[in-house]
Amino acid sequence: MRDINYCVTAHNLKKKYKKFTLDIENLAIPEGFATALIGENGAGKSTLMNFLSGIRLDFDGEIEYFGKYSNEDAEKESCPLRELTGYTGTGNYYLPQWTIKQVADISEILFDNFHKDKFYDYVREFRIDPLEGKKSPKVSTLSDGNLMKLEIAGVLARDTNLLILDEPASPLDPLSREELCDRLREYIDRENGRNSVFFSTHNISDMESVTDYAIIMHDGRIVEEGFTEDLKEKYISVKGDPDISEAVRPYLYTENSSKYGIEGIALADKADSLAGFNLTLERPTLSQIAVAILKHERN
């Protein structure tokens, strides 16, 4: 049994729209880990991210940060949450006419814990500025990938304890995604394990290497969650010949059948029931688990 502290908890978090309702009964993000919020487009991930980051406050429910600050505290100017957390999103985070130099200058004014030297180190490492400062490019000239890397450089250059990142890997190329995972792991290892990362994704395979804890969301609700290793013990991957499809289907959580065979995900406690069939049972990836759960919920 793990002894876990939580950097963010939420209870009865609700927001009703015309055709969609966010309804989170309980949310707990473990401290000292990278937590992935996984779900399809339209599942409510960005809405939840906006509430947790304080960008939007028009919700019902309670949010607590670091065991001592409420969402009402977050609205007070004296609350240190703005310094303790960093956020990146998919919208217009920086004004398009700003140059990279202006981003650094303004960030230094806005945040007491912003380190301009670290920021420029990340700008160089992420290859955001091809002219290396000789003529600082404007935000409007950056590609979607470089714009996201600029936002990431901005939050990594601050002394924070929590990063809230909305789809950080989505616009990045494969190499940049791998570099992002490395930098997030380094961030978590700062401050003797007190730092935490909460990021959203609709394709967890891009970020599985850095994911310690997963929260799977469907249609505004949390439908599964747990530490990655625990989830991989709870579910198993199943493969077999097509002639046994009908016989094993009742034991499977989700399945895909074709003339070439059957593949699916089952709960691990069904392993004994499946032992009598000519099947290959394997440890699933987090991506396979997430897809199976979302497919099950949709059906």
C-alpha atoms as a PDB file:
ATOM      1  CA  MET A   1       0.000   0.000   0.000  1.00  0.00           C
ATOM      2  CA  ARG A   2       1.434   3.357  -1.044  1.00  0.00           C
ATOM      3  CA  ASP A   3       1.508   6.290   1.371  1.00  0.00           C
ATOM      4  CA  ILE A   4       0.315   9.053  -0.948  1.00  0.00           C
ATOM      5  CA  ASN A   5      -0.080  12.787  -0.560  1.00  0.00           C
ATOM      6  CA  TYR A   6      -2.123  14.693  -3.108  1.00  0.00           C
ATOM      7  CA  CYS A   7      -1.270  18.004  -4.760  1.00  0.00           C
ATOM      8  CA  VAL A   8      -4.859  18.527  -5.969  1.00  0.00           C
ATOM      9  CA  THR A   9      -8.164  17.089  -4.810  1.00  0.00           C
ATOM     10  CA  ALA A  10     -11.652  17.971  -6.027  1.00  0.00           C
ATOM     11  CA  HIS A  11     -15.139  16.977  -4.942  1.00  0.00           C
ATOM     12  CA  ASN A  12     -18.503  17.260  -6.698  1.00  0.00           C
ATOM     13  CA  LEU A  13     -17.021  19.276  -9.541  1.00  0.00           C
ATOM     14  CA  LYS A  14     -19.811  20.079 -11.992  1.00  0.00           C
ATOM     15  CA  LYS A  15     -20.448  22.245 -15.014  1.00  0.00           C
ATOM     16  CA  LYS A  16     -23.516  21.843 -17.211  1.00  0.00           C
ATOM     17  CA  TYR A  17     -23.613  22.915 -20.838  1.00  0.00           C
ATOM     18  CA  LYS A  18     -26.409  22.563 -23.364  1.00  0.00           C
ATOM     19  CA  LYS A  19     -25.213  19.199 -24.696  1.00  0.00           C
ATOM     20  CA  PHE A  20     -22.511  18.205 -22.219  1.00  0.00           C
ATOM     21  CA  THR A  21     -22.071  17.924 -18.456  1.00  0.00           C
ATOM     22  CA  LEU A  22     -18.807  17.696 -16.580  1.00  0.00           C
ATOM     23  CA  ASP A  23     -19.490  15.649 -13.452  1.00  0.00           C
ATOM     24  CA  ILE A  24     -16.460  14.696 -11.354  1.00  0.00           C
ATOM     25  CA  GLU A  25     -17.464  13.230  -8.011  1.00  0.00           C
ATOM     26  CA  ASN A  26     -13.901  12.833  -6.723  1.00  0.00           C
ATOM     27  CA  LEU A  27     -10.520  13.706  -8.201  1.00  0.00           C
ATOM     28  CA  ALA A  28      -7.149  13.142  -6.564  1.00  0.00           C
ATOM     29  CA  ILE A  29      -3.825  13.906  -8.247  1.00  0.00           C
ATOM     30  CA  PRO A  30      -0.907  12.242  -6.403  1.00  0.00           C
ATOM     31  CA  GLU A  31       2.019  14.397  -5.368  1.00  0.00           C
ATOM     32  CA  GLY A  32       5.448  13.591  -6.777  1.00  0.00           C
ATOM     33  CA  PHE A  33       4.234  11.842  -9.934  1.00  0.00           C
ATOM     34  CA  ALA A  34       3.253  12.510 -13.539  1.00  0.00           C
ATOM     35  CA  THR A  35      -0.495  12.007 -13.926  1.00  0.00           C
ATOM     36  CA  ALA A  36      -2.107  11.661 -17.344  1.00  0.00           C
ATOM     37  CA  LEU A  37      -5.696  12.688 -18.004  1.00  0.00           C
ATOM     38  CA  ILE A  38      -6.716  10.458 -20.921  1.00  0.00           C
ATOM     39  CA  GLY A  39      -9.832  10.777 -23.035  1.00  0.00           C
ATOM     40  CA  GLU A  40     -11.276  11.281 -26.463  1.00  0.00           C
ATOM     41  CA  ASN A  41     -11.725  14.726 -27.982  1.00  0.00           C
ATOM     42  CA  GLY A  42     -14.776  16.246 -26.337  1.00  0.00           C
ATOM     43  CA  ALA A  43     -14.486  14.185 -23.152  1.00  0.00           C
ATOM     44  CA  GLY A  44     -14.121  17.328 -21.012  1.00  0.00           C
ATOM     45  CA  LYS A  45     -10.355  17.277 -20.482  1.00  0.00           C
ATOM     46  CA  SER A  46      -9.719  20.920 -21.359  1.00  0.00           C
ATOM     47  CA  THR A  47     -12.736  22.040 -19.332  1.00  0.00           C
ATOM     48  CA  LEU A  48     -11.361  20.248 -16.289  1.00  0.00           C
ATOM     49  CA  MET A  49      -7.873  21.647 -16.938  1.00  0.00           C
ATOM     50  CA  ASN A  50      -9.267  25.181 -17.133  1.00  0.00           C
ATOM     51  CA  PHE A  51     -11.016  24.770 -13.793  1.00  0.00           C
ATOM     52  CA  LEU A  52      -7.978  23.312 -12.033  1.00  0.00           C
ATOM     53  CA  SER A  53      -5.650  25.997 -13.421  1.00  0.00           C
ATOM     54  CA  GLY A  54      -7.988  28.824 -12.379  1.00  0.00           C
ATOM     55  CA  ILE A  55      -8.530  30.034 -15.932  1.00  0.00           C
ATOM     56  CA  ARG A  56     -12.251  29.477 -15.461  1.00  0.00           C
ATOM     57  CA  LEU A  57     -14.120  29.731 -12.180  1.00  0.00           C
ATOM     58  CA  ASP A  58     -17.719  29.150 -13.333  1.00  0.00           C
ATOM     59  CA  PHE A  59     -18.196  25.710 -11.799  1.00  0.00           C
ATOM     60  CA  ASP A  60     -19.850  24.072  -8.826  1.00  0.00           C
ATOM     61  CA  GLY A  61     -17.785  22.057  -6.360  1.00  0.00           C
ATOM     62  CA  GLU A  62     -14.615  22.291  -4.334  1.00  0.00           C
ATOM     63  CA  ILE A  63     -10.942  22.138  -5.299  1.00  0.00           C
ATOM     64  CA  GLU A  64      -8.059  21.967  -2.825  1.00  0.00           C
ATOM     65  CA  TYR A  65      -4.379  22.491  -3.672  1.00  0.00           C
ATOM     66  CA  PHE A  66      -1.454  21.114  -1.671  1.00  0.00           C
ATOM     67  CA  GLY A  67      -3.784  20.222   1.185  1.00  0.00           C
ATOM     68  CA  LYS A  68      -4.307  23.846   2.261  1.00  0.00           C
ATOM     69  CA  TYR A  69      -5.527  26.178  -0.502  1.00  0.00           C
ATOM     70  CA  SER A  70      -9.113  26.139  -1.791  1.00  0.00           C
ATOM     71  CA  ASN A  71     -10.392  27.363  -5.138  1.00  0.00           C
ATOM     72  CA  GLU A  72     -11.767  30.379  -3.259  1.00  0.00           C
ATOM     73  CA  ASP A  73      -8.281  31.084  -1.868  1.00  0.00           C
ATOM     74  CA  ALA A  74      -6.934  30.960  -5.420  1.00  0.00           C
ATOM     75  CA  GLU A  75      -8.933  34.091  -6.278  1.00  0.00           C
ATOM     76  CA  LYS A  76      -7.187  36.128  -3.569  1.00  0.00           C
ATOM     77  CA  GLU A  77      -4.210  38.220  -4.605  1.00  0.00           C
ATOM     78  CA  SER A  78      -2.279  37.135  -1.506  1.00  0.00           C
ATOM     79  CA  CYS A  79      -2.589  33.407  -2.339  1.00  0.00           C
ATOM     80  CA  PRO A  80       0.746  31.899  -3.476  1.00  0.00           C
ATOM     81  CA  LEU A  81      -0.852  29.412  -5.874  1.00  0.00           C
ATOM     82  CA  ARG A  82       0.016  31.533  -8.906  1.00  0.00           C
ATOM     83  CA  GLU A  83       3.696  31.127  -8.047  1.00  0.00           C
ATOM     84  CA  LEU A  84       3.393  27.444  -7.103  1.00  0.00           C
ATOM     85  CA  THR A  85       1.726  26.302 -10.337  1.00  0.00           C
ATOM     86  CA  GLY A  86       2.538  26.559 -14.029  1.00  0.00           C
ATOM     87  CA  TYR A  87       0.079  26.139 -16.891  1.00  0.00           C
ATOM     88  CA  THR A  88       0.330  25.600 -20.635  1.00  0.00           C
ATOM     89  CA  GLY A  89      -2.656  25.422 -22.957  1.00  0.00           C
ATOM     90  CA  THR A  90      -3.659  25.165 -26.573  1.00  0.00           C
ATOM     91  CA  GLY A  91      -5.038  28.716 -26.893  1.00  0.00           C
ATOM     92  CA  ASN A  92      -3.379  32.100 -27.379  1.00  0.00           C
ATOM     93  CA  TYR A  93      -1.193  31.920 -24.293  1.00  0.00           C
ATOM     94  CA  TYR A  94       1.219  34.608 -25.524  1.00  0.00           C
ATOM     95  CA  LEU A  95       0.180  37.610 -27.602  1.00  0.00           C
ATOM     96  CA  PRO A  96       1.093  37.066 -31.269  1.00  0.00           C
ATOM     97  CA  GLN A  97       3.051  40.316 -31.575  1.00  0.00           C
ATOM     98  CA  TRP A  98       5.372  39.487 -28.682  1.00  0.00           C
ATOM     99  CA  THR A  99       8.928  38.457 -29.489  1.00  0.00           C
ATOM    100  CA  ILE A 100      10.679  35.697 -27.560  1.00  0.00           C
ATOM    101  CA  LYS A 101      12.634  38.419 -25.747  1.00  0.00           C
ATOM    102  CA  GLN A 102       9.382  40.117 -24.737  1.00  0.00           C
ATOM    103  CA  VAL A 103       8.004  36.782 -23.495  1.00  0.00           C
ATOM    104  CA  ALA A 104      11.042  36.522 -21.226  1.00  0.00           C
ATOM    105  CA  ASP A 105      10.809  40.145 -20.046  1.00  0.00           C
ATOM    106  CA  ILE A 106       7.067  39.956 -19.312  1.00  0.00           C
ATOM    107  CA  SER A 107       7.361  36.574 -17.574  1.00  0.00           C
ATOM    108  CA  GLU A 108      10.056  38.046 -15.322  1.00  0.00           C
ATOM    109  CA  ILE A 109       7.642  40.822 -14.341  1.00  0.00           C
ATOM    110  CA  LEU A 110       4.666  38.516 -13.831  1.00  0.00           C
ATOM    111  CA  PHE A 111       6.367  35.789 -11.793  1.00  0.00           C
ATOM    112  CA  ASP A 112       8.824  36.283  -8.943  1.00  0.00           C
ATOM    113  CA  ASN A 113      10.138  32.745  -9.465  1.00  0.00           C
ATOM    114  CA  PHE A 114      10.938  33.105 -13.185  1.00  0.00           C
ATOM    115  CA  HIS A 115      14.600  32.645 -14.176  1.00  0.00           C
ATOM    116  CA  LYS A 116      15.431  34.285 -17.480  1.00  0.00           C
ATOM    117  CA  ASP A 117      18.734  32.414 -17.850  1.00  0.00           C
ATOM    118  CA  LYS A 118      16.950  29.057 -17.508  1.00  0.00           C
ATOM    119  CA  PHE A 119      14.324  30.186 -20.001  1.00  0.00           C
ATOM    120  CA  TYR A 120      16.925  30.947 -22.648  1.00  0.00           C
ATOM    121  CA  ASP A 121      18.663  27.641 -21.894  1.00  0.00           C
ATOM    122  CA  TYR A 122      15.415  25.830 -22.737  1.00  0.00           C
ATOM    123  CA  VAL A 123      14.847  28.017 -25.825  1.00  0.00           C
ATOM    124  CA  ARG A 124      18.224  26.882 -27.127  1.00  0.00           C
ATOM    125  CA  GLU A 125      17.751  23.264 -26.070  1.00  0.00           C
ATOM    126  CA  PHE A 126      14.317  23.079 -27.720  1.00  0.00           C
ATOM    127  CA  ARG A 127      15.644  24.786 -30.878  1.00  0.00           C
ATOM    128  CA  ILE A 128      12.840  27.347 -30.802  1.00  0.00           C
ATOM    129  CA  ASP A 129      14.904  30.291 -32.059  1.00  0.00           C
ATOM    130  CA  PRO A 130      16.788  29.330 -35.255  1.00  0.00           C
ATOM    131  CA  LEU A 131      18.785  32.588 -35.258  1.00  0.00           C
ATOM    132  CA  GLU A 132      19.842  32.086 -31.621  1.00  0.00           C
ATOM    133  CA  GLY A 133      18.783  35.516 -30.439  1.00  0.00           C
ATOM    134  CA  LYS A 134      20.271  37.611 -33.260  1.00  0.00           C
ATOM    135  CA  LYS A 135      16.755  38.676 -34.203  1.00  0.00           C
ATOM    136  CA  SER A 136      14.147  37.522 -31.734  1.00  0.00           C
ATOM    137  CA  PRO A 137      11.195  36.049 -33.699  1.00  0.00           C
ATOM    138  CA  LYS A 138       7.596  36.969 -32.952  1.00  0.00           C
ATOM    139  CA  VAL A 139       5.205  34.471 -31.441  1.00  0.00           C
ATOM    140  CA  SER A 140       3.029  34.708 -34.571  1.00  0.00           C
ATOM    141  CA  THR A 141       5.852  33.320 -36.731  1.00  0.00           C
ATOM    142  CA  LEU A 142       6.356  30.152 -34.676  1.00  0.00           C
ATOM    143  CA  SER A 143       4.978  26.784 -35.717  1.00  0.00           C
ATOM    144  CA  ASP A 144       2.436  25.108 -33.439  1.00  0.00           C
ATOM    145  CA  GLY A 145       5.171  22.807 -32.160  1.00  0.00           C
ATOM    146  CA  ASN A 146       7.608  25.632 -31.377  1.00  0.00           C
ATOM    147  CA  LEU A 147       4.850  27.672 -29.770  1.00  0.00           C
ATOM    148  CA  MET A 148       4.087  24.768 -27.422  1.00  0.00           C
ATOM    149  CA  LYS A 149       7.804  24.358 -26.686  1.00  0.00           C
ATOM    150  CA  LEU A 150       7.985  28.080 -25.871  1.00  0.00           C
ATOM    151  CA  GLU A 151       5.166  27.685 -23.348  1.00  0.00           C
ATOM    152  CA  ILE A 152       6.901  24.659 -21.840  1.00  0.00           C
ATOM    153  CA  ALA A 153      10.181  26.597 -21.619  1.00  0.00           C
ATOM    154  CA  GLY A 154       8.307  29.345 -19.793  1.00  0.00           C
ATOM    155  CA  VAL A 155       6.917  27.076 -17.067  1.00  0.00           C
ATOM    156  CA  LEU A 156      10.083  24.982 -16.669  1.00  0.00           C
ATOM    157  CA  ALA A 157      12.056  28.183 -16.083  1.00  0.00           C
ATOM    158  CA  ARG A 158      10.042  28.881 -12.939  1.00  0.00           C
ATOM    159  CA  ASP A 159      10.330  27.410  -9.423  1.00  0.00           C
ATOM    160  CA  THR A 160       6.956  25.712  -9.116  1.00  0.00           C
ATOM    161  CA  ASN A 161       5.559  22.564  -7.495  1.00  0.00           C
ATOM    162  CA  LEU A 162       2.823  21.691 -10.004  1.00  0.00           C
ATOM    163  CA  LEU A 163       2.570  21.845 -13.778  1.00  0.00           C
ATOM    164  CA  ILE A 164      -0.851  21.650 -15.458  1.00  0.00           C
ATOM    165  CA  LEU A 165      -0.313  20.954 -19.159  1.00  0.00           C
ATOM    166  CA  ASP A 166      -3.213  20.731 -21.610  1.00  0.00           C
ATOM    167  CA  GLU A 167      -2.287  18.455 -24.549  1.00  0.00           C
ATOM    168  CA  PRO A 168       1.439  19.348 -24.423  1.00  0.00           C
ATOM    169  CA  ALA A 169       2.484  16.560 -26.812  1.00  0.00           C
ATOM    170  CA  SER A 170      -0.212  17.113 -29.442  1.00  0.00           C
ATOM    171  CA  PRO A 171       1.690  19.534 -31.746  1.00  0.00           C
ATOM    172  CA  LEU A 172       5.145  18.034 -31.137  1.00  0.00           C
ATOM    173  CA  ASP A 173       7.128  15.744 -33.421  1.00  0.00           C
ATOM    174  CA  PRO A 174       8.218  12.337 -32.035  1.00  0.00           C
ATOM    175  CA  LEU A 175      11.700  13.489 -30.996  1.00  0.00           C
ATOM    176  CA  SER A 176      10.317  16.569 -29.234  1.00  0.00           C
ATOM    177  CA  ARG A 177       7.799  14.388 -27.391  1.00  0.00           C
ATOM    178  CA  GLU A 178      10.636  12.222 -26.112  1.00  0.00           C
ATOM    179  CA  GLU A 179      12.549  15.329 -25.017  1.00  0.00           C
ATOM    180  CA  LEU A 180       9.415  16.608 -23.268  1.00  0.00           C
ATOM    181  CA  CYS A 181       9.129  13.354 -21.310  1.00  0.00           C
ATOM    182  CA  ASP A 182      12.780  13.683 -20.248  1.00  0.00           C
ATOM    183  CA  ARG A 183      12.304  17.286 -19.089  1.00  0.00           C
ATOM    184  CA  LEU A 184       9.133  16.425 -17.159  1.00  0.00           C
ATOM    185  CA  ARG A 185      10.907  13.585 -15.395  1.00  0.00           C
ATOM    186  CA  GLU A 186      13.705  15.980 -14.444  1.00  0.00           C
ATOM    187  CA  TYR A 187      11.123  18.443 -13.140  1.00  0.00           C
ATOM    188  CA  ILE A 188       9.464  15.804 -10.952  1.00  0.00           C
ATOM    189  CA  ASP A 189      12.843  14.839  -9.509  1.00  0.00           C
ATOM    190  CA  ARG A 190      13.434  18.407  -8.291  1.00  0.00           C
ATOM    191  CA  GLU A 191      12.507  19.431  -4.742  1.00  0.00           C
ATOM    192  CA  ASN A 192      12.970  15.932  -3.291  1.00  0.00           C
ATOM    193  CA  GLY A 193       9.960  14.496  -5.075  1.00  0.00           C
ATOM    194  CA  ARG A 194       7.495  17.250  -4.154  1.00  0.00           C
ATOM    195  CA  ASN A 195       6.922  18.353  -7.732  1.00  0.00           C
ATOM    196  CA  SER A 196       3.983  16.989  -9.736  1.00  0.00           C
ATOM    197  CA  VAL A 197       2.806  17.082 -13.336  1.00  0.00           C
ATOM    198  CA  PHE A 198      -0.793  16.789 -14.523  1.00  0.00           C
ATOM    199  CA  PHE A 199      -1.192  16.637 -18.285  1.00  0.00           C
ATOM    200  CA  SER A 200      -3.998  15.776 -20.678  1.00  0.00           C
ATOM    201  CA  THR A 201      -3.768  13.687 -23.824  1.00  0.00           C
ATOM    202  CA  HIS A 202      -6.013  11.845 -26.270  1.00  0.00           C
ATOM    203  CA  ASN A 203      -3.109   9.597 -27.337  1.00  0.00           C
ATOM    204  CA  ILE A 204      -1.306   8.234 -24.290  1.00  0.00           C
ATOM    205  CA  SER A 205       1.187   6.247 -26.376  1.00  0.00           C
ATOM    206  CA  ASP A 206       3.005   9.552 -26.965  1.00  0.00           C
ATOM    207  CA  MET A 207       3.587  10.055 -23.229  1.00  0.00           C
ATOM    208  CA  GLU A 208       3.368   6.577 -21.716  1.00  0.00           C
ATOM    209  CA  SER A 209       7.060   6.529 -20.774  1.00  0.00           C
ATOM    210  CA  VAL A 210       6.593   9.383 -18.283  1.00  0.00           C
ATOM    211  CA  THR A 211       3.132   8.449 -16.962  1.00  0.00           C
ATOM    212  CA  ASP A 212       3.012   7.212 -13.365  1.00  0.00           C
ATOM    213  CA  TYR A 213      -0.713   7.576 -12.752  1.00  0.00           C
ATOM    214  CA  ALA A 214      -3.596   7.602 -15.218  1.00  0.00           C
ATOM    215  CA  ILE A 215      -7.088   9.070 -15.013  1.00  0.00           C
ATOM    216  CA  ILE A 216      -9.338   7.964 -17.880  1.00  0.00           C
ATOM    217  CA  MET A 217     -12.251  10.223 -18.717  1.00  0.00           C
ATOM    218  CA  HIS A 218     -15.323   9.649 -20.870  1.00  0.00           C
ATOM    219  CA  ASP A 219     -18.253  11.987 -21.508  1.00  0.00           C
ATOM    220  CA  GLY A 220     -17.420  14.276 -18.583  1.00  0.00           C
ATOM    221  CA  ARG A 221     -16.851  11.492 -16.028  1.00  0.00           C
ATOM    222  CA  ILE A 222     -13.870   9.616 -14.620  1.00  0.00           C
ATOM    223  CA  VAL A 223     -14.344   5.962 -15.598  1.00  0.00           C
ATOM    224  CA  GLU A 224     -11.021   4.455 -14.463  1.00  0.00           C
ATOM    225  CA  GLU A 225      -7.890   5.560 -12.635  1.00  0.00           C
ATOM    226  CA  GLY A 226      -4.835   4.135 -10.945  1.00  0.00           C
ATOM    227  CA  PHE A 227      -1.079   3.878 -10.970  1.00  0.00           C
ATOM    228  CA  THR A 228       0.133   2.624 -14.326  1.00  0.00           C
ATOM    229  CA  GLU A 229       1.681  -0.534 -12.898  1.00  0.00           C
ATOM    230  CA  ASP A 230      -1.503  -1.343 -10.989  1.00  0.00           C
ATOM    231  CA  LEU A 231      -3.639  -0.932 -14.108  1.00  0.00           C
ATOM    232  CA  LYS A 232      -1.311  -3.266 -15.989  1.00  0.00           C
ATOM    233  CA  GLU A 233      -1.913  -5.856 -13.263  1.00  0.00           C
ATOM    234  CA  LYS A 234      -5.688  -5.331 -13.362  1.00  0.00           C
ATOM    235  CA  TYR A 235      -6.033  -5.961 -17.122  1.00  0.00           C
ATOM    236  CA  ILE A 236      -4.510  -8.490 -19.535  1.00  0.00           C
ATOM    237  CA  SER A 237      -4.086  -8.523 -23.307  1.00  0.00           C
ATOM    238  CA  VAL A 238      -5.577 -11.560 -25.063  1.00  0.00           C
ATOM    239  CA  LYS A 239      -4.786 -12.978 -28.524  1.00  0.00           C
ATOM    240  CA  GLY A 240      -6.064 -16.148 -30.141  1.00  0.00           C
ATOM    241  CA  ASP A 241      -7.152 -17.951 -33.299  1.00  0.00           C
ATOM    242  CA  PRO A 242     -10.491 -17.051 -34.960  1.00  0.00           C
ATOM    243  CA  ASP A 243     -12.094 -20.426 -34.252  1.00  0.00           C
ATOM    244  CA  ILE A 244     -12.355 -19.678 -30.510  1.00  0.00           C
ATOM    245  CA  SER A 245     -13.779 -16.166 -30.875  1.00  0.00           C
ATOM    246  CA  GLU A 246     -17.321 -17.083 -29.837  1.00  0.00           C
ATOM    247  CA  ALA A 247     -16.167 -19.153 -26.869  1.00  0.00           C
ATOM    248  CA  VAL A 248     -13.881 -16.531 -25.303  1.00  0.00           C
ATOM    249  CA  ARG A 249     -15.923 -13.428 -26.098  1.00  0.00           C
ATOM    250  CA  PRO A 250     -18.002 -13.581 -22.854  1.00  0.00           C
ATOM    251  CA  TYR A 251     -14.799 -13.307 -20.814  1.00  0.00           C
ATOM    252  CA  LEU A 252     -13.415 -10.269 -22.624  1.00  0.00           C
ATOM    253  CA  TYR A 253     -13.815  -6.629 -21.646  1.00  0.00           C
ATOM    254  CA  THR A 254     -13.422  -5.506 -25.267  1.00  0.00           C
ATOM    255  CA  GLU A 255     -12.458  -7.428 -28.401  1.00  0.00           C
ATOM    256  CA  ASN A 256     -11.656  -7.150 -32.087  1.00  0.00           C
ATOM    257  CA  SER A 257     -12.354 -10.185 -34.259  1.00  0.00           C
ATOM    258  CA  SER A 258     -11.399 -10.901 -37.845  1.00  0.00           C
ATOM    259  CA  LYS A 259     -10.680 -13.916 -40.035  1.00  0.00           C
ATOM    260  CA  TYR A 260      -7.100 -13.749 -38.759  1.00  0.00           C
ATOM    261  CA  GLY A 261      -7.935 -14.056 -35.080  1.00  0.00           C
ATOM    262  CA  ILE A 262      -9.243 -12.359 -31.983  1.00  0.00           C
ATOM    263  CA  GLU A 263      -7.547  -9.673 -29.903  1.00  0.00           C
ATOM    264  CA  GLY A 264      -8.894  -8.057 -26.813  1.00  0.00           C
ATOM    265  CA  ILE A 265      -8.507  -6.890 -23.254  1.00  0.00           C
ATOM    266  CA  ALA A 266      -9.809  -8.828 -20.268  1.00  0.00           C
ATOM    267  CA  LEU A 267      -9.823  -8.235 -16.563  1.00  0.00           C
ATOM    268  CA  ALA A 268      -6.952 -10.149 -14.990  1.00  0.00           C
ATOM    269  CA  ASP A 269      -9.321 -11.988 -12.666  1.00  0.00           C
ATOM    270  CA  LYS A 270     -10.690 -13.755 -15.779  1.00  0.00           C
ATOM    271  CA  ALA A 271      -7.305 -15.340 -16.485  1.00  0.00           C
ATOM    272  CA  ASP A 272      -8.255 -18.648 -14.871  1.00  0.00           C
ATOM    273  CA  SER A 273     -11.414 -18.859 -16.988  1.00  0.00           C
ATOM    274  CA  LEU A 274      -9.348 -18.243 -20.123  1.00  0.00           C
ATOM    275  CA  ALA A 275      -6.649 -20.763 -19.225  1.00  0.00           C
ATOM    276  CA  GLY A 276      -8.397 -23.627 -21.003  1.00  0.00           C
ATOM    277  CA  PHE A 277      -8.292 -21.928 -24.391  1.00  0.00           C
ATOM    278  CA  ASN A 278      -5.403 -21.716 -26.821  1.00  0.00           C
ATOM    279  CA  LEU A 279      -4.681 -18.066 -26.097  1.00  0.00           C
ATOM    280  CA  THR A 280      -1.672 -15.810 -25.650  1.00  0.00           C
ATOM    281  CA  LEU A 281      -2.017 -13.697 -22.518  1.00  0.00           C
ATOM    282  CA  GLU A 282       0.273 -10.670 -22.294  1.00  0.00           C
ATOM    283  CA  ARG A 283       0.851  -7.626 -20.146  1.00  0.00           C
ATOM    284  CA  PRO A 284      -0.973  -4.735 -21.874  1.00  0.00           C
ATOM    285  CA  THR A 285       0.330  -1.251 -22.540  1.00  0.00           C
ATOM    286  CA  LEU A 286      -1.384   1.711 -20.937  1.00  0.00           C
ATOM    287  CA  SER A 287      -2.502   2.737 -24.419  1.00  0.00           C
ATOM    288  CA  GLN A 288      -4.229  -0.626 -24.969  1.00  0.00           C
ATOM    289  CA  ILE A 289      -5.958  -0.344 -21.592  1.00  0.00           C
ATOM    290  CA  ALA A 290      -7.151   3.207 -22.248  1.00  0.00           C
ATOM    291  CA  VAL A 291      -8.501   2.366 -25.705  1.00  0.00           C
ATOM    292  CA  ALA A 292     -10.304  -0.705 -24.352  1.00  0.00           C
ATOM    293  CA  ILE A 293     -11.924   1.243 -21.503  1.00  0.00           C
ATOM    294  CA  LEU A 294     -13.028   4.077 -23.772  1.00  0.00           C
ATOM    295  CA  LYS A 295     -14.374   1.603 -26.316  1.00  0.00           C
ATOM    296  CA  HIS A 296     -16.263  -0.228 -23.555  1.00  0.00           C
ATOM    297  CA  GLU A 297     -17.763   3.038 -22.284  1.00  0.00           C
ATOM    298  CA  ARG A 298     -18.795   4.141 -25.758  1.00  0.00           C
ATOM    299  CA  ASN A 299     -20.584   0.849 -26.385  1.00  0.00           C
END
